[in-house]
Amino acid sequence: MMNKIKLLVVAFFLISFASFAQSNDQPLKIGYTNVEYILLQMPESKQIESQLKDHSTQLENQLKGKYAEYESKLQAYEKGAATMDKTIREDKEKELMNMNNSIQEFQRTAQMSLQQKEKSLVDPVIAKIDKAIKDVAKESGYTYVISNQALLAGPEDGDISPLVLKKLGVDPAKAQQTPEPAAAKPATTTKPATSSKNTKKKN
């Protein structure tokens, strides 16, 4: 999940990272921060991870149910195909093909559903962080705030992450770099085994 969040954070950097024009008589003051780091310290991060895991599990269970039904009908077809009337056999083959296509389509829509769910959960938190960054920059007189990922060198006091965390209600003293959680897997782990037997017509 956090790998995808990184992409949203990068887009955030490119589109809306804070910059603030100062009057000409004020000195240039540049700060830097890391939105991904801040996000990982927020309680919303664990909530997002939990909700995405639940959503992924629901999709996975639906997929397993569809696949189990497909497998059951495929096995029944393979056992009785030799004695089936041609019309019935062709109807069963068409049904199996449609079920297989339905499973593959569900896998695609499940992936999209998981991505949309993630975006709906992450976007409001990113907007919240964005506002906190801009508030801190304005209050502390920063002309610009940039991503530390684009920073080659800079003074420690230029890092406004502790100030942003404090603005967001997170204790900077307790904040630490959180190991990146395992990405939530989309509900596409079960692949329908398309058997040649379910489409090969017997004469």
N, C-alpha and C. Protein backbone atom coordinates (compact mmCIF):
# COMPACT_ATOMS: atom_id res chain seq x y z
N MET A 1 0.81 -1.20 0.00
CA MET A 1 0.00 0.00 0.00
C MET A 1 0.85 1.26 0.00
N MET A 2 1.90 1.29 0.84
CA MET A 2 2.72 2.50 0.94
C MET A 2 3.50 2.78 -0.34
N ASN A 3 3.77 1.75 -1.14
CA ASN A 3 4.43 1.99 -2.41
C ASN A 3 3.54 2.86 -3.31
N LYS A 4 2.25 2.60 -3.28
CA LYS A 4 1.32 3.39 -4.09
C LYS A 4 1.17 4.79 -3.50
N ILE A 5 1.18 4.87 -2.18
CA ILE A 5 1.09 6.18 -1.53
C ILE A 5 2.26 7.05 -1.96
N LYS A 6 3.43 6.42 -2.15
CA LYS A 6 4.60 7.18 -2.61
C LYS A 6 4.29 7.90 -3.91
N LEU A 7 3.57 7.23 -4.81
CA LEU A 7 3.24 7.84 -6.09
C LEU A 7 2.32 9.03 -5.90
N LEU A 8 1.38 8.91 -4.97
CA LEU A 8 0.48 10.02 -4.68
C LEU A 8 1.25 11.18 -4.07
N VAL A 9 2.22 10.86 -3.23
CA VAL A 9 3.04 11.89 -2.60
C VAL A 9 3.88 12.61 -3.64
N VAL A 10 4.44 11.84 -4.60
CA VAL A 10 5.22 12.47 -5.66
C VAL A 10 4.37 13.42 -6.47
N ALA A 11 3.15 12.98 -6.79
CA ALA A 11 2.24 13.85 -7.54
C ALA A 11 1.95 15.12 -6.73
N PHE A 12 1.82 14.93 -5.45
CA PHE A 12 1.58 16.07 -4.54
C PHE A 12 2.76 17.05 -4.60
N PHE A 13 3.97 16.50 -4.61
CA PHE A 13 5.16 17.36 -4.71
C PHE A 13 5.10 18.20 -5.98
N LEU A 14 4.75 17.55 -7.09
CA LEU A 14 4.80 18.21 -8.39
C LEU A 14 3.70 19.25 -8.55
N ILE A 15 2.57 19.01 -7.92
CA ILE A 15 1.41 19.87 -8.15
C ILE A 15 1.26 20.97 -7.11
N SER A 16 1.40 20.63 -5.83
CA SER A 16 0.94 21.59 -4.84
C SER A 16 1.86 21.82 -3.65
N PHE A 17 3.16 21.57 -3.78
CA PHE A 17 4.03 21.81 -2.64
C PHE A 17 4.08 23.30 -2.33
N ALA A 18 4.22 23.61 -1.05
CA ALA A 18 4.02 24.99 -0.61
C ALA A 18 5.15 25.91 -1.03
N SER A 19 4.80 27.08 -1.50
CA SER A 19 5.76 28.16 -1.72
C SER A 19 5.08 29.46 -1.35
N PHE A 20 5.86 30.38 -0.81
CA PHE A 20 5.28 31.59 -0.26
C PHE A 20 6.11 32.80 -0.66
N ALA A 21 5.47 33.74 -1.34
CA ALA A 21 6.17 34.95 -1.75
C ALA A 21 6.32 35.88 -0.55
N GLN A 22 7.50 36.42 -0.39
CA GLN A 22 7.78 37.36 0.68
C GLN A 22 8.04 38.73 0.06
N SER A 23 7.93 39.76 0.84
CA SER A 23 8.26 41.08 0.33
C SER A 23 9.77 41.17 0.11
N ASN A 24 10.20 42.08 -0.78
CA ASN A 24 11.59 42.14 -1.19
C ASN A 24 12.56 42.45 -0.06
N ASP A 25 12.06 43.09 1.01
CA ASP A 25 12.97 43.45 2.09
C ASP A 25 13.18 42.33 3.10
N GLN A 26 12.53 41.19 2.89
CA GLN A 26 12.70 40.06 3.78
C GLN A 26 13.71 39.07 3.19
N PRO A 27 14.56 38.49 4.02
CA PRO A 27 15.58 37.55 3.51
C PRO A 27 14.95 36.26 3.02
N LEU A 28 15.62 35.64 2.06
CA LEU A 28 15.18 34.35 1.54
C LEU A 28 15.37 33.28 2.62
N LYS A 29 14.32 32.53 2.88
CA LYS A 29 14.38 31.47 3.90
C LYS A 29 13.75 30.21 3.31
N ILE A 30 14.55 29.18 3.22
CA ILE A 30 14.10 27.94 2.60
C ILE A 30 14.05 26.81 3.62
N GLY A 31 12.96 26.13 3.67
CA GLY A 31 12.81 24.96 4.54
C GLY A 31 12.56 23.71 3.72
N TYR A 32 12.63 22.58 4.37
CA TYR A 32 12.37 21.32 3.66
C TYR A 32 11.68 20.34 4.60
N THR A 33 11.01 19.38 3.99
CA THR A 33 10.30 18.37 4.77
C THR A 33 10.10 17.13 3.91
N ASN A 34 9.51 16.10 4.51
CA ASN A 34 9.26 14.84 3.82
C ASN A 34 7.81 14.43 4.11
N VAL A 35 6.96 14.57 3.12
CA VAL A 35 5.54 14.29 3.30
C VAL A 35 5.30 12.82 3.63
N GLU A 36 6.04 11.94 2.98
CA GLU A 36 5.87 10.51 3.25
C GLU A 36 6.19 10.18 4.70
N TYR A 37 7.30 10.75 5.20
CA TYR A 37 7.68 10.54 6.59
C TYR A 37 6.59 11.04 7.54
N ILE A 38 6.08 12.24 7.27
CA ILE A 38 5.04 12.81 8.12
C ILE A 38 3.79 11.93 8.09
N LEU A 39 3.41 11.48 6.91
CA LEU A 39 2.23 10.63 6.78
C LEU A 39 2.37 9.36 7.62
N LEU A 40 3.56 8.76 7.60
CA LEU A 40 3.77 7.52 8.35
C LEU A 40 3.69 7.71 9.86
N GLN A 41 3.89 8.93 10.34
CA GLN A 41 3.82 9.20 11.78
C GLN A 41 2.38 9.46 12.25
N MET A 42 1.49 9.72 11.32
CA MET A 42 0.12 10.09 11.69
C MET A 42 -0.73 8.86 11.99
N PRO A 43 -1.66 8.97 12.93
CA PRO A 43 -2.53 7.82 13.24
C PRO A 43 -3.35 7.38 12.04
N GLU A 44 -3.64 8.32 11.14
CA GLU A 44 -4.41 7.98 9.94
C GLU A 44 -3.70 6.94 9.08
N SER A 45 -2.37 6.89 9.17
CA SER A 45 -1.61 5.95 8.36
C SER A 45 -2.00 4.51 8.68
N LYS A 46 -2.09 4.17 9.97
CA LYS A 46 -2.46 2.81 10.37
C LYS A 46 -3.92 2.53 10.01
N GLN A 47 -4.76 3.56 10.13
CA GLN A 47 -6.17 3.38 9.77
C GLN A 47 -6.32 3.09 8.28
N ILE A 48 -5.56 3.81 7.46
CA ILE A 48 -5.59 3.58 6.02
C ILE A 48 -5.14 2.17 5.70
N GLU A 49 -4.04 1.75 6.32
CA GLU A 49 -3.51 0.41 6.09
C GLU A 49 -4.54 -0.65 6.47
N SER A 50 -5.21 -0.46 7.61
CA SER A 50 -6.19 -1.43 8.08
C SER A 50 -7.40 -1.50 7.15
N GLN A 51 -7.89 -0.34 6.72
CA GLN A 51 -9.06 -0.31 5.84
C GLN A 51 -8.75 -0.91 4.48
N LEU A 52 -7.56 -0.64 3.97
CA LEU A 52 -7.18 -1.22 2.69
C LEU A 52 -7.03 -2.74 2.79
N LYS A 53 -6.50 -3.19 3.91
CA LYS A 53 -6.35 -4.64 4.11
C LYS A 53 -7.72 -5.31 4.16
N ASP A 54 -8.67 -4.69 4.87
CA ASP A 54 -10.03 -5.24 4.95
C ASP A 54 -10.68 -5.28 3.58
N HIS A 55 -10.52 -4.20 2.83
CA HIS A 55 -11.12 -4.12 1.49
C HIS A 55 -10.51 -5.17 0.57
N SER A 56 -9.19 -5.32 0.65
CA SER A 56 -8.51 -6.31 -0.18
C SER A 56 -8.95 -7.73 0.18
N THR A 57 -9.13 -7.99 1.48
CA THR A 57 -9.57 -9.31 1.92
C THR A 57 -10.97 -9.63 1.40
N GLN A 58 -11.86 -8.63 1.43
CA GLN A 58 -13.22 -8.83 0.92
C GLN A 58 -13.20 -9.20 -0.57
N LEU A 59 -12.39 -8.46 -1.32
CA LEU A 59 -12.28 -8.74 -2.75
C LEU A 59 -11.68 -10.12 -3.00
N GLU A 60 -10.68 -10.45 -2.21
CA GLU A 60 -10.01 -11.75 -2.35
C GLU A 60 -10.99 -12.90 -2.07
N ASN A 61 -11.83 -12.74 -1.04
CA ASN A 61 -12.80 -13.78 -0.71
C ASN A 61 -13.84 -13.94 -1.81
N GLN A 62 -14.26 -12.82 -2.40
CA GLN A 62 -15.21 -12.89 -3.51
C GLN A 62 -14.59 -13.63 -4.70
N LEU A 63 -13.33 -13.33 -4.97
CA LEU A 63 -12.65 -13.99 -6.08
C LEU A 63 -12.50 -15.49 -5.83
N LYS A 64 -12.16 -15.85 -4.61
CA LYS A 64 -12.02 -17.27 -4.27
C LYS A 64 -13.35 -18.01 -4.44
N GLY A 65 -14.45 -17.33 -4.06
CA GLY A 65 -15.77 -17.94 -4.21
C GLY A 65 -16.11 -18.18 -5.67
N LYS A 66 -15.79 -17.20 -6.52
CA LYS A 66 -16.05 -17.34 -7.95
C LYS A 66 -15.21 -18.47 -8.54
N TYR A 67 -13.95 -18.53 -8.12
CA TYR A 67 -13.06 -19.54 -8.66
C TYR A 67 -13.46 -20.94 -8.20
N ALA A 68 -13.92 -21.06 -6.95
CA ALA A 68 -14.36 -22.36 -6.44
C ALA A 68 -15.57 -22.87 -7.23
N GLU A 69 -16.48 -21.96 -7.55
CA GLU A 69 -17.65 -22.34 -8.34
C GLU A 69 -17.23 -22.78 -9.75
N TYR A 70 -16.30 -22.05 -10.31
CA TYR A 70 -15.79 -22.39 -11.65
C TYR A 70 -15.14 -23.77 -11.65
N GLU A 71 -14.30 -24.03 -10.65
CA GLU A 71 -13.60 -25.31 -10.55
C GLU A 71 -14.59 -26.47 -10.39
N SER A 72 -15.64 -26.23 -9.59
CA SER A 72 -16.63 -27.28 -9.35
C SER A 72 -17.36 -27.65 -10.64
N LYS A 73 -17.74 -26.62 -11.40
CA LYS A 73 -18.46 -26.87 -12.65
C LYS A 73 -17.54 -27.45 -13.72
N LEU A 74 -16.28 -27.05 -13.69
CA LEU A 74 -15.33 -27.59 -14.65
C LEU A 74 -15.11 -29.08 -14.41
N GLN A 75 -14.98 -29.46 -13.14
CA GLN A 75 -14.78 -30.87 -12.81
C GLN A 75 -16.00 -31.71 -13.19
N ALA A 76 -17.19 -31.15 -12.94
CA ALA A 76 -18.43 -31.87 -13.30
C ALA A 76 -18.52 -32.05 -14.81
N TYR A 77 -18.11 -31.03 -15.52
CA TYR A 77 -18.13 -31.10 -16.99
C TYR A 77 -17.17 -32.18 -17.49
N GLU A 78 -15.97 -32.17 -16.93
CA GLU A 78 -14.95 -33.12 -17.38
C GLU A 78 -15.35 -34.57 -17.11
N LYS A 79 -16.09 -34.79 -16.03
CA LYS A 79 -16.54 -36.15 -15.69
C LYS A 79 -17.66 -36.62 -16.61
N GLY A 80 -18.52 -35.68 -17.00
CA GLY A 80 -19.70 -36.11 -17.77
C GLY A 80 -19.69 -35.75 -19.23
N ALA A 81 -18.65 -35.09 -19.70
CA ALA A 81 -18.63 -34.60 -21.08
C ALA A 81 -18.80 -35.71 -22.11
N ALA A 82 -18.18 -36.85 -21.85
CA ALA A 82 -18.20 -37.96 -22.82
C ALA A 82 -19.60 -38.49 -23.08
N THR A 83 -20.48 -38.38 -22.10
CA THR A 83 -21.83 -38.93 -22.25
C THR A 83 -22.88 -37.84 -22.50
N MET A 84 -22.44 -36.60 -22.61
CA MET A 84 -23.40 -35.49 -22.81
C MET A 84 -23.85 -35.41 -24.27
N ASP A 85 -25.08 -35.00 -24.44
CA ASP A 85 -25.57 -34.66 -25.76
C ASP A 85 -24.77 -33.46 -26.27
N LYS A 86 -24.54 -33.39 -27.58
CA LYS A 86 -23.71 -32.33 -28.17
C LYS A 86 -24.19 -30.93 -27.78
N THR A 87 -25.51 -30.73 -27.80
CA THR A 87 -26.06 -29.41 -27.48
C THR A 87 -25.80 -29.05 -26.03
N ILE A 88 -25.99 -30.02 -25.14
CA ILE A 88 -25.75 -29.78 -23.71
C ILE A 88 -24.27 -29.52 -23.46
N ARG A 89 -23.43 -30.32 -24.13
CA ARG A 89 -21.99 -30.16 -23.94
C ARG A 89 -21.53 -28.77 -24.39
N GLU A 90 -22.03 -28.33 -25.52
CA GLU A 90 -21.66 -27.00 -26.02
C GLU A 90 -22.16 -25.90 -25.08
N ASP A 91 -23.34 -26.12 -24.51
CA ASP A 91 -23.88 -25.13 -23.57
C ASP A 91 -23.02 -25.05 -22.32
N LYS A 92 -22.56 -26.21 -21.82
CA LYS A 92 -21.69 -26.25 -20.64
C LYS A 92 -20.34 -25.56 -20.92
N GLU A 93 -19.82 -25.81 -22.12
CA GLU A 93 -18.55 -25.19 -22.49
C GLU A 93 -18.68 -23.66 -22.56
N LYS A 94 -19.80 -23.21 -23.09
CA LYS A 94 -20.04 -21.77 -23.17
C LYS A 94 -20.16 -21.17 -21.77
N GLU A 95 -20.85 -21.90 -20.88
CA GLU A 95 -21.01 -21.44 -19.51
C GLU A 95 -19.65 -21.32 -18.82
N LEU A 96 -18.80 -22.33 -19.00
CA LEU A 96 -17.48 -22.31 -18.38
C LEU A 96 -16.62 -21.17 -18.93
N MET A 97 -16.72 -20.95 -20.21
CA MET A 97 -15.95 -19.86 -20.82
C MET A 97 -16.40 -18.51 -20.27
N ASN A 98 -17.71 -18.35 -20.13
CA ASN A 98 -18.24 -17.10 -19.59
C ASN A 98 -17.82 -16.89 -18.14
N MET A 99 -17.82 -17.98 -17.37
CA MET A 99 -17.38 -17.89 -15.97
C MET A 99 -15.91 -17.51 -15.88
N ASN A 100 -15.11 -18.09 -16.76
CA ASN A 100 -13.68 -17.79 -16.77
C ASN A 100 -13.45 -16.32 -17.12
N ASN A 101 -14.17 -15.84 -18.11
CA ASN A 101 -14.06 -14.42 -18.49
C ASN A 101 -14.51 -13.51 -17.36
N SER A 102 -15.57 -13.95 -16.66
CA SER A 102 -16.09 -13.16 -15.54
C SER A 102 -15.06 -13.04 -14.42
N ILE A 103 -14.34 -14.13 -14.16
CA ILE A 103 -13.30 -14.12 -13.12
C ILE A 103 -12.19 -13.14 -13.50
N GLN A 104 -11.77 -13.20 -14.75
CA GLN A 104 -10.70 -12.31 -15.19
C GLN A 104 -11.14 -10.84 -15.13
N GLU A 105 -12.39 -10.58 -15.49
CA GLU A 105 -12.91 -9.21 -15.41
C GLU A 105 -13.00 -8.75 -13.96
N PHE A 106 -13.37 -9.65 -13.06
CA PHE A 106 -13.44 -9.30 -11.65
C PHE A 106 -12.06 -8.94 -11.12
N GLN A 107 -11.04 -9.66 -11.56
CA GLN A 107 -9.68 -9.35 -11.14
C GLN A 107 -9.29 -7.93 -11.54
N ARG A 108 -9.68 -7.54 -12.75
CA ARG A 108 -9.35 -6.19 -13.23
C ARG A 108 -10.10 -5.12 -12.43
N THR A 109 -11.39 -5.35 -12.22
CA THR A 109 -12.19 -4.35 -11.50
C THR A 109 -11.80 -4.29 -10.02
N ALA A 110 -11.37 -5.43 -9.46
CA ALA A 110 -10.93 -5.45 -8.06
C ALA A 110 -9.68 -4.59 -7.88
N GLN A 111 -8.77 -4.68 -8.84
CA GLN A 111 -7.55 -3.87 -8.79
C GLN A 111 -7.91 -2.38 -8.82
N MET A 112 -8.82 -2.01 -9.71
CA MET A 112 -9.26 -0.61 -9.81
C MET A 112 -9.96 -0.16 -8.54
N SER A 113 -10.77 -1.04 -7.98
CA SER A 113 -11.49 -0.72 -6.77
C SER A 113 -10.54 -0.45 -5.61
N LEU A 114 -9.49 -1.26 -5.51
CA LEU A 114 -8.51 -1.09 -4.44
C LEU A 114 -7.75 0.23 -4.61
N GLN A 115 -7.41 0.56 -5.85
CA GLN A 115 -6.70 1.81 -6.11
C GLN A 115 -7.58 3.03 -5.79
N GLN A 116 -8.85 2.94 -6.16
CA GLN A 116 -9.77 4.05 -5.88
C GLN A 116 -10.00 4.21 -4.37
N LYS A 117 -10.10 3.08 -3.69
CA LYS A 117 -10.27 3.11 -2.24
C LYS A 117 -9.07 3.77 -1.57
N GLU A 118 -7.87 3.39 -2.03
CA GLU A 118 -6.65 3.95 -1.48
C GLU A 118 -6.59 5.46 -1.70
N LYS A 119 -6.90 5.88 -2.90
CA LYS A 119 -6.85 7.32 -3.23
C LYS A 119 -7.85 8.10 -2.37
N SER A 120 -9.06 7.54 -2.18
CA SER A 120 -10.07 8.23 -1.39
C SER A 120 -9.65 8.38 0.07
N LEU A 121 -8.84 7.43 0.57
CA LEU A 121 -8.38 7.49 1.95
C LEU A 121 -7.15 8.39 2.11
N VAL A 122 -6.26 8.36 1.12
CA VAL A 122 -5.00 9.09 1.23
C VAL A 122 -5.14 10.57 0.91
N ASP A 123 -5.94 10.89 -0.09
CA ASP A 123 -6.04 12.29 -0.54
C ASP A 123 -6.39 13.27 0.58
N PRO A 124 -7.38 12.98 1.43
CA PRO A 124 -7.71 13.93 2.50
C PRO A 124 -6.55 14.13 3.49
N VAL A 125 -5.78 13.08 3.74
CA VAL A 125 -4.65 13.19 4.67
C VAL A 125 -3.54 14.03 4.05
N ILE A 126 -3.30 13.82 2.75
CA ILE A 126 -2.30 14.62 2.04
C ILE A 126 -2.70 16.09 2.06
N ALA A 127 -3.98 16.36 1.86
CA ALA A 127 -4.46 17.74 1.90
C ALA A 127 -4.26 18.35 3.29
N LYS A 128 -4.47 17.54 4.31
CA LYS A 128 -4.27 17.98 5.69
C LYS A 128 -2.80 18.33 5.94
N ILE A 129 -1.91 17.48 5.43
CA ILE A 129 -0.48 17.74 5.57
C ILE A 129 -0.09 18.99 4.79
N ASP A 130 -0.63 19.13 3.61
CA ASP A 130 -0.37 20.30 2.78
C ASP A 130 -0.69 21.59 3.52
N LYS A 131 -1.86 21.62 4.14
CA LYS A 131 -2.28 22.80 4.89
C LYS A 131 -1.35 23.09 6.06
N ALA A 132 -0.95 22.01 6.76
CA ALA A 132 -0.05 22.18 7.91
C ALA A 132 1.30 22.73 7.46
N ILE A 133 1.81 22.25 6.34
CA ILE A 133 3.08 22.74 5.80
C ILE A 133 2.97 24.23 5.49
N LYS A 134 1.89 24.61 4.83
CA LYS A 134 1.72 26.01 4.46
C LYS A 134 1.56 26.90 5.69
N ASP A 135 0.85 26.39 6.68
CA ASP A 135 0.67 27.16 7.92
C ASP A 135 2.00 27.37 8.63
N VAL A 136 2.79 26.29 8.73
CA VAL A 136 4.10 26.38 9.38
C VAL A 136 5.01 27.34 8.61
N ALA A 137 5.00 27.23 7.28
CA ALA A 137 5.84 28.09 6.46
C ALA A 137 5.48 29.56 6.65
N LYS A 138 4.19 29.83 6.70
CA LYS A 138 3.75 31.22 6.88
C LYS A 138 4.12 31.73 8.27
N GLU A 139 3.87 30.92 9.29
CA GLU A 139 4.13 31.33 10.67
C GLU A 139 5.63 31.50 10.94
N SER A 140 6.45 30.69 10.27
CA SER A 140 7.89 30.72 10.53
C SER A 140 8.68 31.54 9.51
N GLY A 141 7.98 32.15 8.57
CA GLY A 141 8.63 33.04 7.62
C GLY A 141 9.45 32.37 6.54
N TYR A 142 9.06 31.15 6.14
CA TYR A 142 9.79 30.48 5.07
C TYR A 142 9.30 30.98 3.71
N THR A 143 10.25 31.32 2.86
CA THR A 143 9.91 31.75 1.51
C THR A 143 9.46 30.57 0.67
N TYR A 144 10.18 29.46 0.80
CA TYR A 144 9.85 28.24 0.09
C TYR A 144 9.99 27.04 1.01
N VAL A 145 9.19 26.02 0.75
CA VAL A 145 9.35 24.73 1.40
C VAL A 145 9.47 23.70 0.29
N ILE A 146 10.54 22.91 0.30
CA ILE A 146 10.76 21.92 -0.74
C ILE A 146 10.82 20.52 -0.13
N SER A 147 10.77 19.54 -1.00
CA SER A 147 10.91 18.15 -0.55
C SER A 147 12.36 17.85 -0.23
N ASN A 148 12.60 17.19 0.87
CA ASN A 148 14.00 16.85 1.20
C ASN A 148 14.56 15.79 0.26
N GLN A 149 13.68 15.15 -0.52
CA GLN A 149 14.14 14.18 -1.50
C GLN A 149 14.87 14.87 -2.66
N ALA A 150 14.61 16.18 -2.82
CA ALA A 150 15.28 16.94 -3.86
C ALA A 150 16.44 17.75 -3.29
N LEU A 151 16.70 17.57 -1.98
CA LEU A 151 17.72 18.36 -1.29
C LEU A 151 19.04 17.60 -1.24
N LEU A 152 20.09 18.23 -1.74
CA LEU A 152 21.42 17.61 -1.70
C LEU A 152 22.15 17.93 -0.40
N ALA A 153 21.93 19.12 0.14
CA ALA A 153 22.56 19.52 1.40
C ALA A 153 21.76 20.66 2.00
N GLY A 154 21.79 20.75 3.33
CA GLY A 154 21.07 21.82 3.99
C GLY A 154 21.23 21.75 5.49
N PRO A 155 21.00 22.87 6.19
CA PRO A 155 21.14 22.89 7.64
C PRO A 155 20.02 22.11 8.31
N GLU A 156 20.33 21.54 9.47
CA GLU A 156 19.32 20.77 10.20
C GLU A 156 18.13 21.62 10.59
N ASP A 157 18.38 22.90 10.91
CA ASP A 157 17.27 23.74 11.34
C ASP A 157 16.37 24.12 10.18
N GLY A 158 16.71 23.69 8.95
CA GLY A 158 15.82 23.93 7.82
C GLY A 158 14.73 22.88 7.69
N ASP A 159 14.87 21.78 8.45
CA ASP A 159 13.87 20.71 8.41
C ASP A 159 12.67 21.12 9.25
N ILE A 160 11.53 21.35 8.60
CA ILE A 160 10.34 21.79 9.32
C ILE A 160 9.42 20.63 9.68
N SER A 161 9.87 19.39 9.44
CA SER A 161 9.01 18.24 9.73
C SER A 161 8.52 18.20 11.17
N PRO A 162 9.39 18.46 12.19
CA PRO A 162 8.90 18.46 13.57
C PRO A 162 7.82 19.52 13.80
N LEU A 163 7.96 20.68 13.16
CA LEU A 163 6.95 21.73 13.30
C LEU A 163 5.63 21.33 12.66
N VAL A 164 5.73 20.66 11.52
CA VAL A 164 4.53 20.21 10.82
C VAL A 164 3.82 19.14 11.64
N LEU A 165 4.59 18.20 12.18
CA LEU A 165 4.00 17.15 13.02
C LEU A 165 3.29 17.76 14.23
N LYS A 166 3.93 18.74 14.84
CA LYS A 166 3.33 19.40 15.98
C LYS A 166 2.04 20.10 15.58
N LYS A 167 2.03 20.74 14.42
CA LYS A 167 0.83 21.40 13.91
C LYS A 167 -0.29 20.39 13.68
N LEU A 168 0.08 19.16 13.31
CA LEU A 168 -0.90 18.10 13.05
C LEU A 168 -1.31 17.36 14.32
N GLY A 169 -0.72 17.75 15.46
CA GLY A 169 -1.09 17.10 16.73
C GLY A 169 -0.31 15.84 17.01
N VAL A 170 0.80 15.63 16.30
CA VAL A 170 1.65 14.45 16.53
C VAL A 170 2.88 14.91 17.30
N ASP A 171 3.20 14.21 18.38
CA ASP A 171 4.35 14.57 19.21
C ASP A 171 5.64 14.30 18.44
N PRO A 172 6.39 15.35 18.07
CA PRO A 172 7.63 15.14 17.31
C PRO A 172 8.65 14.29 18.05
N ALA A 173 8.63 14.32 19.39
CA ALA A 173 9.59 13.54 20.18
C ALA A 173 9.35 12.04 20.03
N LYS A 174 8.10 11.67 19.74
CA LYS A 174 7.77 10.25 19.60
C LYS A 174 7.82 9.79 18.15
N ALA A 175 7.92 10.77 17.24
CA ALA A 175 7.94 10.42 15.82
C ALA A 175 9.28 9.83 15.45
N GLN A 176 9.26 8.76 14.72
CA GLN A 176 10.50 8.15 14.24
C GLN A 176 10.23 7.53 12.89
N GLN A 177 11.28 7.31 12.14
CA GLN A 177 11.09 6.75 10.81
C GLN A 177 10.48 5.36 10.92
N THR A 178 9.28 5.24 10.43
CA THR A 178 8.56 3.98 10.52
C THR A 178 8.91 3.10 9.34
N PRO A 179 9.25 1.82 9.59
CA PRO A 179 9.53 0.93 8.46
C PRO A 179 8.31 0.86 7.56
N GLU A 180 8.56 0.82 6.28
CA GLU A 180 7.47 0.79 5.33
C GLU A 180 6.69 -0.51 5.43
N PRO A 181 5.36 -0.43 5.62
CA PRO A 181 4.56 -1.64 5.74
C PRO A 181 4.53 -2.40 4.43
N ALA A 182 4.20 -3.69 4.52
CA ALA A 182 4.06 -4.48 3.31
C ALA A 182 2.89 -3.94 2.51
N ALA A 183 3.06 -3.90 1.21
CA ALA A 183 2.01 -3.35 0.35
C ALA A 183 0.79 -4.26 0.39
N ALA A 184 -0.38 -3.63 0.43
CA ALA A 184 -1.61 -4.40 0.40
C ALA A 184 -1.75 -5.05 -0.98
N LYS A 185 -1.91 -6.35 -1.02
CA LYS A 185 -1.96 -7.04 -2.29
C LYS A 185 -3.36 -6.96 -2.88
N PRO A 186 -3.45 -6.65 -4.17
CA PRO A 186 -4.76 -6.60 -4.81
C PRO A 186 -5.35 -7.99 -4.90
N ALA A 187 -6.65 -8.02 -5.08
CA ALA A 187 -7.33 -9.32 -5.12
C ALA A 187 -7.16 -9.97 -6.47
N THR A 188 -5.93 -10.32 -6.80
CA THR A 188 -5.67 -10.95 -8.09
C THR A 188 -4.72 -12.13 -7.94
N THR A 189 -4.70 -12.70 -6.75
CA THR A 189 -3.73 -13.77 -6.51
C THR A 189 -4.21 -15.12 -7.04
N THR A 190 -5.52 -15.28 -7.20
CA THR A 190 -6.05 -16.54 -7.68
C THR A 190 -6.28 -16.45 -9.17
N LYS A 191 -5.55 -17.22 -9.94
CA LYS A 191 -5.68 -17.15 -11.38
C LYS A 191 -6.50 -18.33 -11.88
N PRO A 192 -7.57 -18.06 -12.63
CA PRO A 192 -8.35 -19.17 -13.15
C PRO A 192 -7.53 -20.01 -14.11
N ALA A 193 -7.46 -21.30 -13.81
CA ALA A 193 -6.68 -22.19 -14.66
C ALA A 193 -7.54 -22.62 -15.83
N THR A 194 -7.39 -21.93 -16.92
CA THR A 194 -8.21 -22.23 -18.09
C THR A 194 -7.79 -23.57 -18.67
N SER A 195 -8.65 -24.53 -18.53
CA SER A 195 -8.33 -25.86 -19.03
C SER A 195 -8.72 -25.98 -20.49
N SER A 196 -7.88 -26.62 -21.25
CA SER A 196 -8.21 -26.83 -22.66
C SER A 196 -9.38 -27.77 -22.80
N LYS A 197 -9.66 -28.52 -21.71
CA LYS A 197 -10.75 -29.48 -21.75
C LYS A 197 -12.11 -28.80 -21.78
N ASN A 198 -12.17 -27.56 -21.25
CA ASN A 198 -13.48 -26.92 -21.16
C ASN A 198 -13.85 -26.23 -22.45
N THR A 199 -12.95 -26.17 -23.41
CA THR A 199 -13.27 -25.54 -24.69
C THR A 199 -13.11 -26.50 -25.87
N LYS A 200 -12.45 -27.62 -25.62
CA LYS A 200 -12.23 -28.59 -26.70
C LYS A 200 -13.50 -29.41 -26.89
N LYS A 201 -14.10 -29.26 -28.02
CA LYS A 201 -15.35 -29.97 -28.28
C LYS A 201 -15.05 -31.39 -28.72
N LYS A 202 -15.86 -32.29 -28.17
CA LYS A 202 -15.71 -33.70 -28.51
C LYS A 202 -16.69 -34.05 -29.58
N ASN A 203 -16.26 -34.81 -30.52
CA ASN A 203 -17.13 -35.19 -31.65
C ASN A 203 -17.99 -36.39 -31.26
